[in-house]
Amino acid sequence: MNFKKFTLVLIAFLLISCSGKTVSPEFINQTTGRYLFNPDETIEVYFEDENLFIKWRGAERITPMHLGDNKYFVKEMNQKIQFLTNPKDQKQYICLIPKDKNEKVNFDYRKLNDTEEIPSVYLKNKEFAKALEGYLAIKKNDSTNTYISETNFNSLGYRELRIKNYADAIAIFKINAVLYPESDNVYDSLAEAYFKNGDTINAVENYKNAIEIDSGNRRAKDFVKKYEKK
C-alpha cells in the first residue's frame, strides 16, 4: 500500500473511530436541550441513535464529530466543545475548549430549563409581558445590545400595523416605549397604532408624550390640535 492510500485509510479509520464512540443514556438525557448562546439566541442539542446533532442559526442538522469524554468538534463553529456540569449552579453547560491547553475552561452556554424561553420566543408567542421582562434584563446587562434595537422593534410593530394586527402592534410599540422612554419616535409610533385601532384618546396622549420630548414634532402637534378640539 502506497503512502497516499495509507493516509486515506488512516483518516477513514479515525473518522469511524471518533464517530463510533458510544454515549450513555444518562449523558443523552443530561445533554439534550436548548443552551443560551447569547441573550436572545439558543443552540439546540438532540440525539438520534446515540448520535449528537445541533440546531443553530437556521441549520437543522449540524453533525459534530465525537471526540470522546463528552467532547465534540463542531465544524460550523470551528470549535471543540465539551459538555460539563458547573459545580457552582449544578447546571449543564456547553464549554468551548481552549486552543491553549494552559487556559482555563469557561462555562460558556448554559442549558435552559424546559419552561425557560428567550425574549424573542415570548414575543413570537404574544407573551408580551414576559418578552418585556427578558428585554429589560438584556438592557440592564448591556444597553447597547443589538437584540434590543429601537429600530428593530419599530419595524416589527409596523409590520403588524400593515396587516392590521393593531393589538399586537400596540403591544410591541409599548415594549419599545418602556425600553426607550426618552425617544419621541416610540410614542409617535404607539400613538399611530392607537389611532388606527380607533382609540383617539390614547393616540392624543402618546402624541403629547412625543411632543414633550421633541417640541418640533409637527405631525404630533397637528394631530393633538385637531383632535383636542373635538
C-alpha atoms as a PDB file:
ATOM      1  CA  MET A   1       0.000   0.000   0.000  1.00  0.00           C
ATOM      2  CA  ASN A   2       1.463   3.353  -1.019  1.00  0.00           C
ATOM      3  CA  PHE A   3       1.658   6.320   1.318  1.00  0.00           C
ATOM      4  CA  LYS A   4      -1.340   8.147  -0.186  1.00  0.00           C
ATOM      5  CA  LYS A   5      -3.640   5.144   0.177  1.00  0.00           C
ATOM      6  CA  PHE A   6      -2.361   4.520   3.679  1.00  0.00           C
ATOM      7  CA  THR A   7      -3.147   8.116   4.648  1.00  0.00           C
ATOM      8  CA  LEU A   8      -6.704   7.870   3.291  1.00  0.00           C
ATOM      9  CA  VAL A   9      -7.316   4.604   5.108  1.00  0.00           C
ATOM     10  CA  LEU A  10      -5.950   6.100   8.329  1.00  0.00           C
ATOM     11  CA  ILE A  11      -8.181   9.158   8.052  1.00  0.00           C
ATOM     12  CA  ALA A  12     -11.203   6.963   7.391  1.00  0.00           C
ATOM     13  CA  PHE A  13     -10.356   4.808  10.383  1.00  0.00           C
ATOM     14  CA  LEU A  14     -10.035   7.835  12.644  1.00  0.00           C
ATOM     15  CA  LEU A  15     -13.341   9.273  11.464  1.00  0.00           C
ATOM     16  CA  ILE A  16     -15.140   5.994  12.018  1.00  0.00           C
ATOM     17  CA  SER A  17     -13.446   5.573  15.355  1.00  0.00           C
ATOM     18  CA  CYS A  18     -14.406   9.036  16.570  1.00  0.00           C
ATOM     19  CA  SER A  19     -17.963   8.971  15.259  1.00  0.00           C
ATOM     20  CA  GLY A  20     -18.462   5.476  16.587  1.00  0.00           C
ATOM     21  CA  LYS A  21     -17.797   6.313  20.243  1.00  0.00           C
ATOM     22  CA  THR A  22     -20.879   5.400  22.257  1.00  0.00           C
ATOM     23  CA  VAL A  23     -22.642   7.690  24.704  1.00  0.00           C
ATOM     24  CA  SER A  24     -24.615   6.677  27.751  1.00  0.00           C
ATOM     25  CA  PRO A  25     -28.373   7.156  28.206  1.00  0.00           C
ATOM     26  CA  GLU A  26     -27.562   9.386  31.190  1.00  0.00           C
ATOM     27  CA  PHE A  27     -25.407  11.639  29.020  1.00  0.00           C
ATOM     28  CA  ILE A  28     -28.101  11.819  26.346  1.00  0.00           C
ATOM     29  CA  ASN A  29     -30.737  12.764  28.916  1.00  0.00           C
ATOM     30  CA  GLN A  30     -28.489  15.293  30.609  1.00  0.00           C
ATOM     31  CA  THR A  31     -27.276  16.902  27.397  1.00  0.00           C
ATOM     32  CA  THR A  32     -30.428  17.081  25.270  1.00  0.00           C
ATOM     33  CA  GLY A  33     -31.989  20.532  25.304  1.00  0.00           C
ATOM     34  CA  ARG A  34     -31.524  24.207  24.498  1.00  0.00           C
ATOM     35  CA  TYR A  35     -28.477  26.250  25.502  1.00  0.00           C
ATOM     36  CA  LEU A  36     -28.273  30.030  25.772  1.00  0.00           C
ATOM     37  CA  PHE A  37     -25.840  31.066  23.050  1.00  0.00           C
ATOM     38  CA  ASN A  38     -26.457  34.765  23.661  1.00  0.00           C
ATOM     39  CA  PRO A  39     -29.226  36.752  25.408  1.00  0.00           C
ATOM     40  CA  ASP A  40     -31.755  36.105  22.623  1.00  0.00           C
ATOM     41  CA  GLU A  41     -30.445  33.073  20.715  1.00  0.00           C
ATOM     42  CA  THR A  42     -30.164  29.376  21.518  1.00  0.00           C
ATOM     43  CA  ILE A  43     -28.293  26.261  20.467  1.00  0.00           C
ATOM     44  CA  GLU A  44     -30.465  23.131  20.481  1.00  0.00           C
ATOM     45  CA  VAL A  45     -28.856  19.745  21.096  1.00  0.00           C
ATOM     46  CA  TYR A  46     -30.626  16.480  20.279  1.00  0.00           C
ATOM     47  CA  PHE A  47     -29.734  12.834  19.645  1.00  0.00           C
ATOM     48  CA  GLU A  48     -30.663  10.170  17.118  1.00  0.00           C
ATOM     49  CA  ASP A  49     -29.350   6.624  17.672  1.00  0.00           C
ATOM     50  CA  GLU A  50     -26.746   7.944  20.129  1.00  0.00           C
ATOM     51  CA  ASN A  51     -25.508  10.478  17.571  1.00  0.00           C
ATOM     52  CA  LEU A  52     -25.498  14.102  18.652  1.00  0.00           C
ATOM     53  CA  PHE A  53     -26.947  16.811  16.379  1.00  0.00           C
ATOM     54  CA  ILE A  54     -27.216  20.568  16.761  1.00  0.00           C
ATOM     55  CA  LYS A  55     -29.745  23.146  15.559  1.00  0.00           C
ATOM     56  CA  TRP A  56     -28.169  26.573  15.310  1.00  0.00           C
ATOM     57  CA  ARG A  57     -28.709  29.718  13.245  1.00  0.00           C
ATOM     58  CA  GLY A  58     -31.065  28.114  10.761  1.00  0.00           C
ATOM     59  CA  ALA A  59     -29.109  24.868  10.376  1.00  0.00           C
ATOM     60  CA  GLU A  60     -31.332  21.989  11.484  1.00  0.00           C
ATOM     61  CA  ARG A  61     -28.857  19.116  11.482  1.00  0.00           C
ATOM     62  CA  ILE A  62     -25.288  20.051  12.320  1.00  0.00           C
ATOM     63  CA  THR A  63     -23.301  16.855  12.910  1.00  0.00           C
ATOM     64  CA  PRO A  64     -20.373  17.378  15.287  1.00  0.00           C
ATOM     65  CA  MET A  65     -17.553  14.829  15.400  1.00  0.00           C
ATOM     66  CA  HIS A  66     -17.467  12.913  18.673  1.00  0.00           C
ATOM     67  CA  LEU A  67     -14.012  13.032  20.231  1.00  0.00           C
ATOM     68  CA  GLY A  68     -14.812  11.131  23.424  1.00  0.00           C
ATOM     69  CA  ASP A  69     -15.060  12.340  27.042  1.00  0.00           C
ATOM     70  CA  ASN A  70     -18.169  14.410  26.254  1.00  0.00           C
ATOM     71  CA  LYS A  71     -16.111  16.343  23.697  1.00  0.00           C
ATOM     72  CA  TYR A  72     -17.074  17.189  20.115  1.00  0.00           C
ATOM     73  CA  PHE A  73     -15.693  19.163  17.221  1.00  0.00           C
ATOM     74  CA  VAL A  74     -18.240  21.489  15.564  1.00  0.00           C
ATOM     75  CA  LYS A  75     -17.026  22.461  12.115  1.00  0.00           C
ATOM     76  CA  GLU A  76     -19.638  25.208  11.717  1.00  0.00           C
ATOM     77  CA  MET A  77     -18.257  26.941  14.812  1.00  0.00           C
ATOM     78  CA  ASN A  78     -14.660  25.921  14.192  1.00  0.00           C
ATOM     79  CA  GLN A  79     -14.615  24.951  17.848  1.00  0.00           C
ATOM     80  CA  LYS A  80     -14.095  21.948  20.055  1.00  0.00           C
ATOM     81  CA  ILE A  81     -16.788  21.827  22.710  1.00  0.00           C
ATOM     82  CA  GLN A  82     -17.345  19.847  25.879  1.00  0.00           C
ATOM     83  CA  PHE A  83     -20.488  19.258  27.913  1.00  0.00           C
ATOM     84  CA  LEU A  84     -19.855  19.844  31.615  1.00  0.00           C
ATOM     85  CA  THR A  85     -21.801  20.478  34.796  1.00  0.00           C
ATOM     86  CA  ASN A  86     -20.912  23.730  36.527  1.00  0.00           C
ATOM     87  CA  PRO A  87     -20.260  22.971  40.219  1.00  0.00           C
ATOM     88  CA  LYS A  88     -21.423  26.473  41.174  1.00  0.00           C
ATOM     89  CA  ASP A  89     -25.012  26.080  39.957  1.00  0.00           C
ATOM     90  CA  GLN A  90     -25.152  22.345  39.084  1.00  0.00           C
ATOM     91  CA  LYS A  91     -26.390  23.228  35.603  1.00  0.00           C
ATOM     92  CA  GLN A  92     -25.256  21.722  32.326  1.00  0.00           C
ATOM     93  CA  TYR A  93     -23.134  23.891  30.017  1.00  0.00           C
ATOM     94  CA  ILE A  94     -21.546  23.804  26.611  1.00  0.00           C
ATOM     95  CA  CYS A  95     -17.914  24.765  27.145  1.00  0.00           C
ATOM     96  CA  LEU A  96     -15.580  25.932  24.418  1.00  0.00           C
ATOM     97  CA  ILE A  97     -12.333  24.015  24.739  1.00  0.00           C
ATOM     98  CA  PRO A  98      -9.423  26.494  24.753  1.00  0.00           C
ATOM     99  CA  LYS A  99      -6.903  26.072  21.962  1.00  0.00           C
ATOM    100  CA  ASP A 100      -4.189  26.684  24.535  1.00  0.00           C
ATOM    101  CA  LYS A 101      -4.119  23.778  26.965  1.00  0.00           C
ATOM    102  CA  ASN A 102      -2.963  26.122  29.730  1.00  0.00           C
ATOM    103  CA  GLU A 103      -6.115  28.235  29.507  1.00  0.00           C
ATOM    104  CA  LYS A 104      -8.968  27.664  31.916  1.00  0.00           C
ATOM    105  CA  VAL A 105     -12.194  26.100  30.604  1.00  0.00           C
ATOM    106  CA  ASN A 106     -15.120  28.517  30.896  1.00  0.00           C
ATOM    107  CA  PHE A 107     -18.770  27.581  31.283  1.00  0.00           C
ATOM    108  CA  ASP A 108     -19.959  29.380  28.181  1.00  0.00           C
ATOM    109  CA  TYR A 109     -23.514  28.374  27.243  1.00  0.00           C
ATOM    110  CA  ARG A 110     -25.975  27.409  29.990  1.00  0.00           C
ATOM    111  CA  LYS A 111     -28.664  24.822  29.393  1.00  0.00           C
ATOM    112  CA  LEU A 112     -32.132  26.360  29.693  1.00  0.00           C
ATOM    113  CA  ASN A 113     -34.862  24.907  31.866  1.00  0.00           C
ATOM    114  CA  ASP A 114     -37.701  23.230  29.970  1.00  0.00           C
ATOM    115  CA  THR A 115     -40.072  26.115  30.719  1.00  0.00           C
ATOM    116  CA  GLU A 116     -37.489  28.861  30.136  1.00  0.00           C
ATOM    117  CA  GLU A 117     -37.597  30.830  26.890  1.00  0.00           C
ATOM    118  CA  ILE A 118     -35.657  33.644  25.281  1.00  0.00           C
ATOM    119  CA  PRO A 119     -37.406  37.024  24.817  1.00  0.00           C
ATOM    120  CA  SER A 120     -37.944  36.665  21.062  1.00  0.00           C
ATOM    121  CA  VAL A 121     -39.856  33.401  21.588  1.00  0.00           C
ATOM    122  CA  TYR A 122     -42.095  35.073  24.155  1.00  0.00           C
ATOM    123  CA  LEU A 123     -42.625  37.889  21.654  1.00  0.00           C
ATOM    124  CA  LYS A 124     -43.494  35.423  18.877  1.00  0.00           C
ATOM    125  CA  ASN A 125     -45.946  33.669  21.209  1.00  0.00           C
ATOM    126  CA  LYS A 126     -47.531  37.027  22.084  1.00  0.00           C
ATOM    127  CA  GLU A 127     -46.487  36.754  25.726  1.00  0.00           C
ATOM    128  CA  PHE A 128     -45.596  40.413  25.721  1.00  0.00           C
ATOM    129  CA  ALA A 129     -45.104  40.894  29.475  1.00  0.00           C
ATOM    130  CA  LYS A 130     -42.564  38.061  29.611  1.00  0.00           C
ATOM    131  CA  ALA A 131     -40.887  39.366  26.452  1.00  0.00           C
ATOM    132  CA  LEU A 132     -40.522  42.814  28.026  1.00  0.00           C
ATOM    133  CA  GLU A 133     -39.079  41.301  31.192  1.00  0.00           C
ATOM    134  CA  GLY A 134     -36.469  39.479  29.123  1.00  0.00           C
ATOM    135  CA  TYR A 135     -35.552  42.518  27.054  1.00  0.00           C
ATOM    136  CA  LEU A 136     -35.242  44.675  30.168  1.00  0.00           C
ATOM    137  CA  ALA A 137     -32.821  42.109  31.594  1.00  0.00           C
ATOM    138  CA  ILE A 138     -30.764  42.326  28.404  1.00  0.00           C
ATOM    139  CA  LYS A 139     -30.753  46.122  28.600  1.00  0.00           C
ATOM    140  CA  LYS A 140     -29.678  46.024  32.239  1.00  0.00           C
ATOM    141  CA  ASN A 141     -26.632  43.942  31.332  1.00  0.00           C
ATOM    142  CA  ASP A 142     -25.836  45.722  28.064  1.00  0.00           C
ATOM    143  CA  SER A 143     -27.812  48.781  26.991  1.00  0.00           C
ATOM    144  CA  THR A 144     -26.199  48.745  23.524  1.00  0.00           C
ATOM    145  CA  ASN A 145     -27.062  45.116  22.762  1.00  0.00           C
ATOM    146  CA  THR A 146     -28.357  44.750  19.190  1.00  0.00           C
ATOM    147  CA  TYR A 147     -31.166  42.456  20.367  1.00  0.00           C
ATOM    148  CA  ILE A 148     -32.921  45.453  21.926  1.00  0.00           C
ATOM    149  CA  SER A 149     -32.607  47.773  18.947  1.00  0.00           C
ATOM    150  CA  GLU A 150     -35.225  50.539  18.961  1.00  0.00           C
ATOM    151  CA  THR A 151     -35.319  50.468  15.170  1.00  0.00           C
ATOM    152  CA  ASN A 152     -35.935  46.730  15.124  1.00  0.00           C
ATOM    153  CA  PHE A 153     -38.901  46.918  17.493  1.00  0.00           C
ATOM    154  CA  ASN A 154     -40.300  49.817  15.499  1.00  0.00           C
ATOM    155  CA  SER A 155     -40.080  47.758  12.303  1.00  0.00           C
ATOM    156  CA  LEU A 156     -41.747  44.773  13.982  1.00  0.00           C
ATOM    157  CA  GLY A 157     -44.563  46.996  15.195  1.00  0.00           C
ATOM    158  CA  TYR A 158     -45.172  48.496  11.771  1.00  0.00           C
ATOM    159  CA  ARG A 159     -45.167  45.037  10.217  1.00  0.00           C
ATOM    160  CA  GLU A 160     -48.113  44.160  12.450  1.00  0.00           C
ATOM    161  CA  LEU A 161     -49.710  47.526  11.747  1.00  0.00           C
ATOM    162  CA  ARG A 162     -49.610  46.959   7.987  1.00  0.00           C
ATOM    163  CA  ILE A 163     -51.561  43.708   8.303  1.00  0.00           C
ATOM    164  CA  LYS A 164     -53.992  45.343  10.745  1.00  0.00           C
ATOM    165  CA  ASN A 165     -52.898  43.393  13.814  1.00  0.00           C
ATOM    166  CA  TYR A 166     -53.437  46.512  15.847  1.00  0.00           C
ATOM    167  CA  ALA A 167     -53.355  44.938  19.309  1.00  0.00           C
ATOM    168  CA  ASP A 168     -50.012  43.245  18.582  1.00  0.00           C
ATOM    169  CA  ALA A 169     -48.600  46.435  17.091  1.00  0.00           C
ATOM    170  CA  ILE A 170     -49.607  48.375  20.196  1.00  0.00           C
ATOM    171  CA  ALA A 171     -48.023  45.744  22.463  1.00  0.00           C
ATOM    172  CA  ILE A 172     -44.730  45.865  20.547  1.00  0.00           C
ATOM    173  CA  PHE A 173     -44.651  49.658  20.475  1.00  0.00           C
ATOM    174  CA  LYS A 174     -45.309  49.639  24.239  1.00  0.00           C
ATOM    175  CA  ILE A 175     -42.251  47.453  24.745  1.00  0.00           C
ATOM    176  CA  ASN A 176     -40.232  49.937  22.704  1.00  0.00           C
ATOM    177  CA  ALA A 177     -41.574  52.817  24.784  1.00  0.00           C
ATOM    178  CA  VAL A 178     -40.501  51.126  28.029  1.00  0.00           C
ATOM    179  CA  LEU A 179     -37.068  50.346  26.647  1.00  0.00           C
ATOM    180  CA  TYR A 180     -36.575  53.821  25.139  1.00  0.00           C
ATOM    181  CA  PRO A 181     -38.660  56.293  27.184  1.00  0.00           C
ATOM    182  CA  GLU A 182     -36.534  59.239  26.023  1.00  0.00           C
ATOM    183  CA  SER A 183     -37.327  58.700  22.327  1.00  0.00           C
ATOM    184  CA  ASP A 184     -40.140  60.708  20.785  1.00  0.00           C
ATOM    185  CA  ASN A 185     -40.379  58.254  17.906  1.00  0.00           C
ATOM    186  CA  VAL A 186     -41.557  55.355  20.095  1.00  0.00           C
ATOM    187  CA  TYR A 187     -44.510  57.419  21.329  1.00  0.00           C
ATOM    188  CA  ASP A 188     -45.232  58.681  17.829  1.00  0.00           C
ATOM    189  CA  SER A 189     -45.473  55.098  16.568  1.00  0.00           C
ATOM    190  CA  LEU A 190     -47.558  53.997  19.542  1.00  0.00           C
ATOM    191  CA  ALA A 191     -49.924  56.910  19.008  1.00  0.00           C
ATOM    192  CA  GLU A 192     -50.386  55.973  15.359  1.00  0.00           C
ATOM    193  CA  ALA A 193     -51.202  52.379  16.303  1.00  0.00           C
ATOM    194  CA  TYR A 194     -53.775  53.539  18.869  1.00  0.00           C
ATOM    195  CA  PHE A 195     -55.386  55.846  16.330  1.00  0.00           C
ATOM    196  CA  LYS A 196     -55.647  53.132  13.678  1.00  0.00           C
ATOM    197  CA  ASN A 197     -57.221  50.911  16.316  1.00  0.00           C
ATOM    198  CA  GLY A 198     -59.885  53.558  16.898  1.00  0.00           C
ATOM    199  CA  ASP A 199     -58.529  54.792  20.237  1.00  0.00           C
ATOM    200  CA  THR A 200     -58.164  58.545  19.776  1.00  0.00           C
ATOM    201  CA  ILE A 201     -57.748  59.293  23.487  1.00  0.00           C
ATOM    202  CA  ASN A 202     -54.604  57.174  23.845  1.00  0.00           C
ATOM    203  CA  ALA A 203     -53.387  58.395  20.477  1.00  0.00           C
ATOM    204  CA  VAL A 204     -53.564  62.013  21.698  1.00  0.00           C
ATOM    205  CA  GLU A 205     -51.822  61.160  24.988  1.00  0.00           C
ATOM    206  CA  ASN A 206     -48.924  59.465  23.235  1.00  0.00           C
ATOM    207  CA  TYR A 207     -48.551  62.219  20.670  1.00  0.00           C
ATOM    208  CA  LYS A 208     -48.314  64.583  23.649  1.00  0.00           C
ATOM    209  CA  ASN A 209     -45.558  62.390  25.060  1.00  0.00           C
ATOM    210  CA  ALA A 210     -43.729  62.685  21.753  1.00  0.00           C
ATOM    211  CA  ILE A 211     -44.101  66.483  21.799  1.00  0.00           C
ATOM    212  CA  GLU A 212     -42.709  66.703  25.343  1.00  0.00           C
ATOM    213  CA  ILE A 213     -39.531  65.016  24.118  1.00  0.00           C
ATOM    214  CA  ASP A 214     -39.382  66.769  20.744  1.00  0.00           C
ATOM    215  CA  SER A 215     -41.317  70.022  20.557  1.00  0.00           C
ATOM    216  CA  GLY A 216     -40.575  70.140  16.838  1.00  0.00           C
ATOM    217  CA  ASN A 217     -42.689  67.072  16.045  1.00  0.00           C
ATOM    218  CA  ARG A 218     -45.074  68.803  13.660  1.00  0.00           C
ATOM    219  CA  ARG A 219     -47.185  65.742  12.884  1.00  0.00           C
ATOM    220  CA  ALA A 220     -47.838  65.118  16.579  1.00  0.00           C
ATOM    221  CA  LYS A 221     -48.706  68.764  17.174  1.00  0.00           C
ATOM    222  CA  ASP A 222     -51.139  68.834  14.259  1.00  0.00           C
ATOM    223  CA  PHE A 223     -52.851  65.665  15.467  1.00  0.00           C
ATOM    224  CA  VAL A 224     -53.248  66.921  19.033  1.00  0.00           C
ATOM    225  CA  LYS A 225     -54.515  70.310  17.842  1.00  0.00           C
ATOM    226  CA  LYS A 226     -57.069  68.659  15.544  1.00  0.00           C
ATOM    227  CA  TYR A 227     -58.480  66.080  17.939  1.00  0.00           C
ATOM    228  CA  GLU A 228     -58.416  68.058  21.183  1.00  0.00           C
ATOM    229  CA  LYS A 229     -60.941  70.419  19.634  1.00  0.00           C
ATOM    230  CA  LYS A 230     -63.463  67.580  19.252  1.00  0.00           C
END
